[in-house]
Each structure stands twice: as C-alpha cells, then as structure tokens.
Amino acid sequence: MAKKTILHFINLSRQFIESTATKQKYRVSEKDFTRKRKLTFDAMALCMIKLLRQNVQVELNSYFSSINKFEKNKPLGATISAFVQNRRKIKSEMFYDLNKIIANDFYQDNDDYVKLYKGHRLLSIDGSTINLPVNKKTQQVYGVFNNQTRTNDVVIGRVSIMYDLLNEIVLDGKLCNFSTGEVTLSLEQINNARANDIIIMDRAYPCFQSMHKILKNEIHFLFRCKQHFSKQVTTFYESKMKEAIIEIKPNHNDSFKVLPYTKDTTIKVRMIRIELSSGEIEILTTSLLDKDKYTCHDFKKLYYKRWGIETYYNRFKILLELKIFQGQAINLFNKNLTVLYI
C-alpha cells in the first residue's frame, strides 16, 4: 500500500477549498466573492493556511510570487487593505472542518502507516491558555482577566486540544471563555475518539463522569490520579501495593438528575503505582484490566507518551507564533480552534 504523502493532503485541501459547495458554505454573505477580484476565495484560503508570520504585505508578495511560477495570467499581488477586508468574508469554521477532513483521511486506507500501540490509537487531551487581542469585542466574548491592581487587563482564552500522540495529528481543538473548565471541554472532545482508542490525561482531568462516558463509548482511559481522588485511591496509595483492581463510585454530592448514572453506579478500574527515579510516587488509574496484555511495567512508558501533547503545545505557541495576531476582528476567532497540521 502506497503511503499517503504530503502532496496527497495538499491536493485534498485544494479540492476542498476550490469546490463550489465549500465557497457557498463558508462565505459570510452570498454576495462575497461573486466579483472577479485578485483575492479570490481560493487565494484567500490558501494564503491564510500558510500561517502569516511576517508583515502582511511581504507575505502577500511571497504568495503571489510563488503561484505565478506555475500559473499564467495570475495577478501580481494585492494590498493589505484588500486582504484584511476579504479575510472577514470567510468563516473560520472552514479551517476547522478542513482539519477534520485531513485527519479522517489519514486513517482511511493507510493501515500500514498508522502508528498504533497494541492495536490502539493513543490520544491525549490537554488544555492551556492564550492571550488574545484586547478590544471591546474580545472582552465581551472571552472576558477580562484582572491582576491584583486591576491594571493592564488582558483577554485570555481557554484552549483544549485532542492529539494523536503517535501520529502527531490534532483531532480537535477548542477556544472559549477562560471561565470554561478543562474537564468540561474534555467531555465534549471525547466524542471525537473512536472505539478501542486509549485516552491519556494528567491528574487535572480524572472524574467519574469522564470515566463513565469514555467506557460508554467503548474507549479506554489512562489517568494520572491524585492521591486523595477517592477513599479507595487513598487506601491503595497507603497499601504500597504495585497494582490492584478496585471499584469506584461517583461523588455523592453530585446532582444525578442530569447524569446518565446513579449514585450506586460503579466502575471497575485498575490502579497502578509508579515509583519515579526522584522518589515521587505516581498513581495511575486505567480501564485496561488485562494484566497479561498490559503488564504493570508497561504503564510507566505508556503514561510518559502523554508528553507528546506538551511538545505539541510548544510548537503550537512558539514555532507557529500563536500569540502574534495579524487580525483582531472577533469573527476571525471561533469556539473550534483552527489547528491545521499541514
């Protein structure tokens, strides 16, 4: 089976962007991009995918220079003003949906090149924050973060990403008000996983609701767990056992009216005790109960693979210069974060 190359995904992206259905769905108004201009819908979308890092005029000149090498009778360039005006005519959801198409295509008819762990995709969900441009519209949508002296107010957005750790692909990204919790966002993103996936998350995420939803979707989990997560976990920690299979219950203080389980629902989990070289003890909890297929010694390396999402955030924020915004209009942002990996 031939490996899907970068050229394959470039062609896939161009087909999506250049289709009539895409132009109709993702233009803000029916009147947008109806006249023949230098910056067509296709040109705008492809130029934006390049991730503008330099002065906009420099980037525009570079873009038109590159396409003129291969296509005749193309315009020599465009102004910053034209670019800014036309950028607002494209819905940001288009880039989010394109990322979904590319990611889904990667896993289709590509079995020989999709990296798995014992037959499982290894996924991770993790959150972060980013500083957004400060203006009235962003303050209204994302809120204002005040320091103690209430000076130098900033607008902070909450980011959450679901990431394929072995294949280094972002499956989903969300950007929302800072007040939205990481666990709340992760519960939404679990829907993007498939049966038999393993989701690895750090100790900020374990909760009965997450575990219940993951298992209901026939997915597996591996969480780092706080020592005092529950009485059963504390008992296991104090026992100094290397592993044990226990049953956990939901917090009785929860309101069960809107939850798909009752206070008597239980989940069987496997607890793993990991001793680090520093002497620190990590407690892992997992739904992988088969001790023959997944030995106790496997889990230290398996949980360490979660570091892949941390290194992705490094590329996301630093190498892609996420904190540098060329535009500040609110319609350039979206609750679904554009996280194209091409």
Protein backbone atom coordinates (compact mmCIF):
# COMPACT_ATOMS: atom_id res chain seq x y z
CA MET A 1 0.00 0.00 0.00
CA ALA A 2 1.43 3.38 -1.02
CA LYS A 3 2.00 5.84 1.80
CA LYS A 4 -0.10 8.98 1.69
CA THR A 5 2.34 11.79 1.06
CA ILE A 6 2.22 15.49 1.89
CA LEU A 7 1.27 16.09 -1.75
CA HIS A 8 -1.79 13.89 -1.25
CA PHE A 9 -3.02 16.09 1.60
CA ILE A 10 -2.17 19.29 -0.27
CA ASN A 11 -4.32 18.10 -3.19
CA LEU A 12 -7.06 17.07 -0.80
CA SER A 13 -7.02 20.56 0.73
CA ARG A 14 -7.12 22.27 -2.66
CA GLN A 15 -10.06 20.11 -3.79
CA PHE A 16 -11.96 21.06 -0.64
CA ILE A 17 -11.18 24.78 -0.86
CA GLU A 18 -11.85 25.06 -4.60
CA SER A 19 -15.19 23.22 -4.55
CA THR A 20 -18.33 25.24 -5.18
CA ALA A 21 -20.02 23.73 -2.12
CA THR A 22 -17.21 24.96 0.14
CA LYS A 23 -17.36 28.51 -1.23
CA GLN A 24 -21.11 28.65 -0.71
CA LYS A 25 -20.99 27.19 2.80
CA TYR A 26 -18.13 29.17 4.27
CA ARG A 27 -18.51 32.67 2.82
CA VAL A 28 -20.11 35.05 5.30
CA SER A 29 -22.53 36.56 2.78
CA GLU A 30 -23.95 35.31 -0.52
CA LYS A 31 -22.57 38.47 -2.13
CA ASP A 32 -19.00 37.75 -1.02
CA PHE A 33 -16.50 36.63 -3.69
CA THR A 34 -19.04 36.99 -6.52
CA ARG A 35 -17.00 39.59 -8.40
CA LYS A 36 -13.74 38.78 -10.13
CA ARG A 37 -11.01 40.09 -7.85
CA LYS A 38 -7.31 39.46 -7.27
CA LEU A 39 -8.01 37.86 -3.91
CA THR A 40 -10.49 35.14 -4.74
CA PHE A 41 -11.94 32.76 -2.16
CA ASP A 42 -9.32 30.15 -3.14
CA ALA A 43 -6.43 32.60 -2.96
CA MET A 44 -7.51 33.93 0.43
CA ALA A 45 -7.92 30.47 1.95
CA LEU A 46 -4.61 29.15 0.64
CA CYS A 47 -2.76 32.27 1.70
CA MET A 48 -4.19 32.06 5.24
CA ILE A 49 -3.21 28.40 5.54
CA LYS A 50 0.40 29.47 5.07
CA LEU A 51 0.18 30.94 8.60
CA LEU A 52 1.27 34.55 8.15
CA ARG A 53 4.31 35.33 10.29
CA GLN A 54 5.84 38.37 8.64
CA ASN A 55 4.44 41.70 7.57
CA VAL A 56 1.19 41.00 5.68
CA GLN A 57 2.37 42.79 2.53
CA VAL A 58 5.57 40.73 2.49
CA GLU A 59 3.52 37.53 2.86
CA LEU A 60 1.14 38.55 0.09
CA ASN A 61 4.00 39.33 -2.27
CA SER A 62 5.58 35.97 -1.45
CA TYR A 63 2.31 34.12 -2.04
CA PHE A 64 1.60 35.70 -5.44
CA SER A 65 5.22 35.29 -6.48
CA SER A 66 5.04 31.55 -5.75
CA ILE A 67 1.79 30.90 -7.62
CA ASN A 68 2.90 32.97 -10.63
CA LYS A 69 5.72 30.49 -11.20
CA PHE A 70 3.21 27.77 -12.02
CA GLU A 71 0.10 29.56 -13.25
CA LYS A 72 -0.09 32.04 -16.11
CA ASN A 73 -2.19 35.20 -16.19
CA LYS A 74 -2.36 35.44 -12.40
CA PRO A 75 -2.39 38.85 -10.63
CA LEU A 76 0.97 40.16 -9.48
CA GLY A 77 -0.18 40.96 -5.96
CA ALA A 78 -2.72 42.55 -3.65
CA THR A 79 -2.79 45.23 -0.96
CA ILE A 80 -3.03 44.75 2.79
CA SER A 81 -6.35 46.56 2.80
CA ALA A 82 -7.83 44.13 0.28
CA PHE A 83 -6.55 41.18 2.27
CA VAL A 84 -7.99 42.43 5.58
CA GLN A 85 -11.39 43.11 4.03
CA ASN A 86 -11.58 39.74 2.30
CA ARG A 87 -10.35 37.80 5.33
CA ARG A 88 -13.54 38.75 7.15
CA LYS A 89 -15.64 37.23 4.38
CA ILE A 90 -14.55 33.66 5.15
CA LYS A 91 -16.00 31.79 8.12
CA SER A 92 -13.30 30.45 10.42
CA GLU A 93 -15.17 27.13 10.65
CA MET A 94 -13.83 26.28 7.19
CA PHE A 95 -10.31 25.71 8.51
CA TYR A 96 -11.59 23.66 11.44
CA ASP A 97 -13.60 21.43 9.10
CA LEU A 98 -10.67 21.10 6.71
CA ASN A 99 -8.55 19.83 9.58
CA LYS A 100 -11.21 17.19 10.29
CA ILE A 101 -11.23 16.08 6.66
CA ILE A 102 -7.44 15.75 6.56
CA ALA A 103 -7.27 13.87 9.87
CA ASN A 104 -10.04 11.45 8.92
CA ASP A 105 -8.46 10.81 5.53
CA PHE A 106 -5.14 9.94 7.15
CA TYR A 107 -6.68 6.92 8.90
CA GLN A 108 -8.50 5.61 5.81
CA ASP A 109 -6.77 3.00 3.60
CA ASN A 110 -3.48 3.80 5.30
CA ASP A 111 -3.20 0.95 7.81
CA ASP A 112 0.45 0.19 7.09
CA TYR A 113 1.48 3.70 8.08
CA VAL A 114 -0.84 4.50 11.00
CA LYS A 115 1.11 4.01 14.23
CA LEU A 116 -0.73 2.13 16.98
CA TYR A 117 0.02 0.85 20.48
CA LYS A 118 -1.01 -2.81 20.74
CA GLY A 119 -3.80 -2.11 18.27
CA HIS A 120 -4.92 1.18 19.88
CA ARG A 121 -4.65 4.80 18.84
CA LEU A 122 -3.05 6.74 21.68
CA LEU A 123 -4.82 10.06 22.24
CA SER A 124 -4.41 12.78 24.80
CA ILE A 125 -6.49 15.79 25.80
CA ASP A 126 -4.86 18.75 27.48
CA GLY A 127 -5.61 22.42 27.98
CA SER A 128 -3.76 25.70 28.01
CA THR A 129 -4.41 29.42 27.70
CA ILE A 130 -3.54 32.09 25.16
CA ASN A 131 -3.59 35.87 25.34
CA LEU A 132 -5.97 37.34 22.78
CA PRO A 133 -6.04 40.86 21.33
CA VAL A 134 -7.62 43.34 23.74
CA ASN A 135 -10.64 45.15 22.35
CA LYS A 136 -14.31 45.56 23.26
CA LYS A 137 -15.49 42.58 21.22
CA THR A 138 -12.93 40.10 22.54
CA GLN A 139 -13.56 41.33 26.08
CA GLN A 140 -17.27 40.73 25.61
CA VAL A 141 -16.87 37.19 24.28
CA TYR A 142 -13.86 35.92 26.24
CA GLY A 143 -13.95 38.07 29.36
CA VAL A 144 -11.24 40.11 31.05
CA PHE A 145 -8.56 38.82 33.36
CA ASN A 146 -7.61 41.40 36.01
CA ASN A 147 -4.43 41.46 38.02
CA GLN A 148 -4.46 42.44 41.69
CA THR A 149 -4.13 46.15 40.96
CA ARG A 150 -6.75 45.92 38.16
CA THR A 151 -4.33 47.41 35.65
CA ASN A 152 -3.08 46.09 32.33
CA ASP A 153 -6.17 43.97 31.79
CA VAL A 154 -5.73 41.11 29.36
CA VAL A 155 -8.10 38.87 27.44
CA ILE A 156 -7.35 35.20 27.97
CA GLY A 157 -8.86 32.33 26.03
CA ARG A 158 -9.08 28.73 27.22
CA VAL A 159 -7.64 26.23 24.74
CA SER A 160 -8.21 22.48 24.70
CA ILE A 161 -6.71 20.06 22.18
CA MET A 162 -7.20 16.35 21.43
CA TYR A 163 -3.99 14.94 19.97
CA ASP A 164 -2.89 11.63 18.42
CA LEU A 165 0.37 11.05 20.28
CA LEU A 166 1.94 8.51 17.93
CA ASN A 167 0.90 10.02 14.59
CA GLU A 168 1.26 13.64 15.76
CA ILE A 169 -2.13 14.76 14.47
CA VAL A 170 -4.55 17.19 16.10
CA LEU A 171 -8.03 15.68 16.02
CA ASP A 172 -9.90 18.53 17.68
CA GLY A 173 -9.24 21.97 19.11
CA LYS A 174 -11.44 24.38 21.05
CA LEU A 175 -11.07 28.01 22.06
CA CYS A 176 -13.50 29.51 24.55
CA ASN A 177 -14.00 31.80 27.52
CA PHE A 178 -11.42 31.30 30.27
CA SER A 179 -14.22 30.52 32.75
CA THR A 180 -14.96 27.23 30.95
CA GLY A 181 -13.24 24.38 32.77
CA GLU A 182 -10.79 21.97 31.16
CA VAL A 183 -12.84 18.93 32.22
CA THR A 184 -15.96 20.41 30.62
CA LEU A 185 -14.12 20.82 27.31
CA SER A 186 -12.59 17.35 27.52
CA LEU A 187 -16.06 15.82 27.93
CA GLU A 188 -17.02 17.37 24.58
CA GLN A 189 -13.83 16.24 22.88
CA ILE A 190 -14.21 12.62 23.96
CA ASN A 191 -16.85 12.42 21.21
CA ASN A 192 -14.05 12.71 18.64
CA ALA A 193 -12.42 9.46 19.78
CA ARG A 194 -13.22 6.03 18.33
CA ALA A 195 -13.94 2.70 19.96
CA ASN A 196 -10.73 0.99 21.15
CA ASP A 197 -8.76 4.26 21.44
CA ILE A 198 -6.82 4.93 24.64
CA ILE A 199 -7.12 8.47 26.04
CA ILE A 200 -4.28 9.54 28.34
CA MET A 201 -4.78 12.56 30.62
CA ASP A 202 -2.99 14.12 33.56
CA ARG A 203 -4.23 14.50 37.13
CA ALA A 204 -6.31 17.60 36.40
CA TYR A 205 -8.85 15.50 34.48
CA PRO A 206 -9.92 12.33 36.35
CA CYS A 207 -13.58 12.32 37.33
CA PHE A 208 -16.28 9.68 37.44
CA GLN A 209 -18.25 11.40 34.68
CA SER A 210 -15.30 11.27 32.27
CA MET A 211 -14.56 7.63 33.02
CA HIS A 212 -18.21 6.68 32.60
CA LYS A 213 -18.52 8.47 29.27
CA ILE A 214 -15.27 7.03 27.92
CA LEU A 215 -16.29 3.47 28.77
CA LYS A 216 -19.79 4.01 27.40
CA ASN A 217 -18.19 4.94 24.06
CA GLU A 218 -16.10 1.71 24.21
CA ILE A 219 -12.89 3.69 24.65
CA HIS A 220 -10.13 3.11 27.22
CA PHE A 221 -8.56 5.61 29.58
CA LEU A 222 -5.32 6.11 31.47
CA PHE A 223 -5.35 8.92 34.04
CA ARG A 224 -2.76 10.12 36.46
CA CYS A 225 -4.72 10.30 39.70
CA LYS A 226 -4.39 12.48 42.77
CA GLN A 227 -3.72 10.59 46.00
CA HIS A 228 -6.95 11.84 47.53
CA PHE A 229 -9.14 11.35 44.46
CA SER A 230 -11.35 8.96 46.48
CA LYS A 231 -11.17 6.85 49.63
CA GLN A 232 -10.41 3.77 47.53
CA VAL A 233 -7.50 5.52 45.81
CA THR A 234 -6.11 6.75 49.15
CA THR A 235 -6.36 3.23 50.56
CA PHE A 236 -4.50 1.86 47.55
CA TYR A 237 -1.79 4.51 47.89
CA GLU A 238 -1.26 3.73 51.56
CA SER A 239 -1.19 -0.02 50.91
CA LYS A 240 2.03 0.36 48.89
CA MET A 241 0.76 -2.33 46.51
CA LYS A 242 2.07 -2.14 42.92
CA GLU A 243 -1.37 -2.65 41.40
CA ALA A 244 -4.93 -3.55 42.26
CA ILE A 245 -8.34 -3.72 40.62
CA ILE A 246 -10.95 -1.77 42.55
CA GLU A 247 -14.46 -0.38 42.05
CA ILE A 248 -15.06 3.33 42.35
CA LYS A 249 -18.31 5.23 42.85
CA PRO A 250 -19.39 8.77 41.95
CA ASN A 251 -19.23 11.60 44.44
CA HIS A 252 -22.46 11.52 46.43
CA ASN A 253 -22.52 15.32 46.42
CA ASP A 254 -23.12 15.32 42.66
CA SER A 255 -26.54 16.11 41.24
CA PHE A 256 -27.63 12.95 39.42
CA LYS A 257 -30.71 14.45 37.74
CA VAL A 258 -28.81 15.28 34.54
CA LEU A 259 -26.23 12.48 34.70
CA PRO A 260 -26.53 9.14 32.87
CA TYR A 261 -25.85 7.15 36.05
CA THR A 262 -26.93 6.99 39.68
CA LYS A 263 -25.12 7.26 42.99
CA ASP A 264 -24.91 3.45 43.11
CA THR A 265 -23.19 3.08 39.71
CA THR A 266 -19.71 1.62 39.94
CA ILE A 267 -16.76 1.43 37.57
CA LYS A 268 -14.06 -1.23 37.78
CA VAL A 269 -10.60 0.28 37.33
CA ARG A 270 -7.03 -0.87 37.67
CA MET A 271 -4.74 1.12 39.93
CA ILE A 272 -1.01 1.24 39.15
CA ARG A 273 1.72 2.52 41.48
CA ILE A 274 4.72 4.05 39.67
CA GLU A 275 7.91 4.95 41.53
CA LEU A 276 9.95 7.64 39.76
CA SER A 277 13.72 7.97 39.99
CA SER A 278 13.18 11.11 42.09
CA GLY A 279 11.35 9.04 44.70
CA GLU A 280 7.99 10.59 43.81
CA ILE A 281 5.03 8.23 43.59
CA GLU A 282 2.57 8.45 40.69
CA ILE A 283 -0.82 6.78 40.90
CA LEU A 284 -2.34 5.79 37.57
CA THR A 285 -5.87 4.57 37.03
CA THR A 286 -6.91 2.77 33.87
CA SER A 287 -9.63 0.72 32.23
CA LEU A 288 -7.02 -1.64 30.74
CA LEU A 289 -7.68 -4.56 33.08
CA ASP A 290 -5.96 -7.37 31.14
CA LYS A 291 -2.76 -7.97 33.13
CA ASP A 292 -1.31 -10.30 30.51
CA LYS A 293 -1.67 -7.90 27.58
CA TYR A 294 -0.89 -4.76 29.58
CA THR A 295 1.66 -5.55 32.27
CA CYS A 296 2.28 -3.32 35.25
CA HIS A 297 5.69 -2.36 33.79
CA ASP A 298 4.07 -1.09 30.57
CA PHE A 299 2.30 1.81 32.19
CA LYS A 300 5.26 4.00 33.13
CA LYS A 301 6.31 4.24 29.47
CA LEU A 302 2.72 4.42 28.30
CA TYR A 303 1.85 7.38 30.50
CA TYR A 304 5.12 9.10 29.55
CA LYS A 305 3.91 9.19 25.94
CA ARG A 306 1.45 11.88 27.10
CA TRP A 307 4.44 14.25 26.93
CA GLY A 308 3.83 14.40 23.17
CA ILE A 309 0.93 16.81 23.64
CA GLU A 310 3.13 19.09 25.76
CA THR A 311 5.73 19.28 22.99
CA TYR A 312 2.91 19.97 20.51
CA TYR A 313 1.84 22.98 22.58
CA ASN A 314 5.42 24.20 22.38
CA ARG A 315 5.27 24.11 18.57
CA PHE A 316 1.75 25.49 18.62
CA LYS A 317 2.62 28.55 20.70
CA ILE A 318 6.23 29.26 19.84
CA LEU A 319 7.09 27.92 16.40
CA LEU A 320 3.73 28.87 14.90
CA GLU A 321 3.84 32.20 16.78
CA LEU A 322 0.29 31.79 18.01
CA LYS A 323 0.50 34.85 20.24
CA ILE A 324 1.07 37.12 17.25
CA PHE A 325 -2.32 38.05 15.79
CA GLN A 326 -2.39 39.74 12.41
CA GLY A 327 -6.12 40.44 12.84
CA GLN A 328 -8.32 41.34 15.78
CA ALA A 329 -11.89 41.04 14.49
CA ILE A 330 -13.99 38.65 16.58
CA ASN A 331 -15.17 36.71 13.51
CA LEU A 332 -11.57 35.58 12.99
CA PHE A 333 -11.82 33.51 16.16
CA ASN A 334 -14.08 30.55 16.78
CA LYS A 335 -15.01 28.18 19.58
CA ASN A 336 -13.46 25.49 17.39
CA LEU A 337 -9.77 26.25 17.23
CA THR A 338 -8.08 26.10 13.82
CA VAL A 339 -5.19 23.71 14.35
CA LEU A 340 -4.16 22.56 10.88
CA TYR A 341 -1.12 20.33 10.99
CA ILE A 342 -0.19 20.64 7.29
